Amino acid sequence: MSRKRSNPVVAGVKENMSGIDQAAGALVGVGAICLGLVGLANFDPIGAILGRRSAASRFAYSLIGASAAYIAARGIAQQAH
């Protein structure tokens, strides 16, 4: 039986990621897919699920934007070290 080797780069990244980092990355990924659908198919999945211009959809977009800002700030902080 052969063992699967793990990629040391990916393993190093996962070791340095907190739960907040992983959640922010997931939210930014979802946001990127949603914006891609808006651009390509003129379809807003968050608006379709939560209601167009509802408080829930505004909160979801705010959370995605805050996650992107967190990831950007974390990346800048890591480059400084």
Foldseek 3Di string as FASTA:
>chain_A
DDDDDDDVVVVVVVVPDDPLLVVLVVLLVVVVVQVVCCVPVVDRVLCVVVNPPDPSSVVSVVSNVVSVVVVVVVVVVVVVD
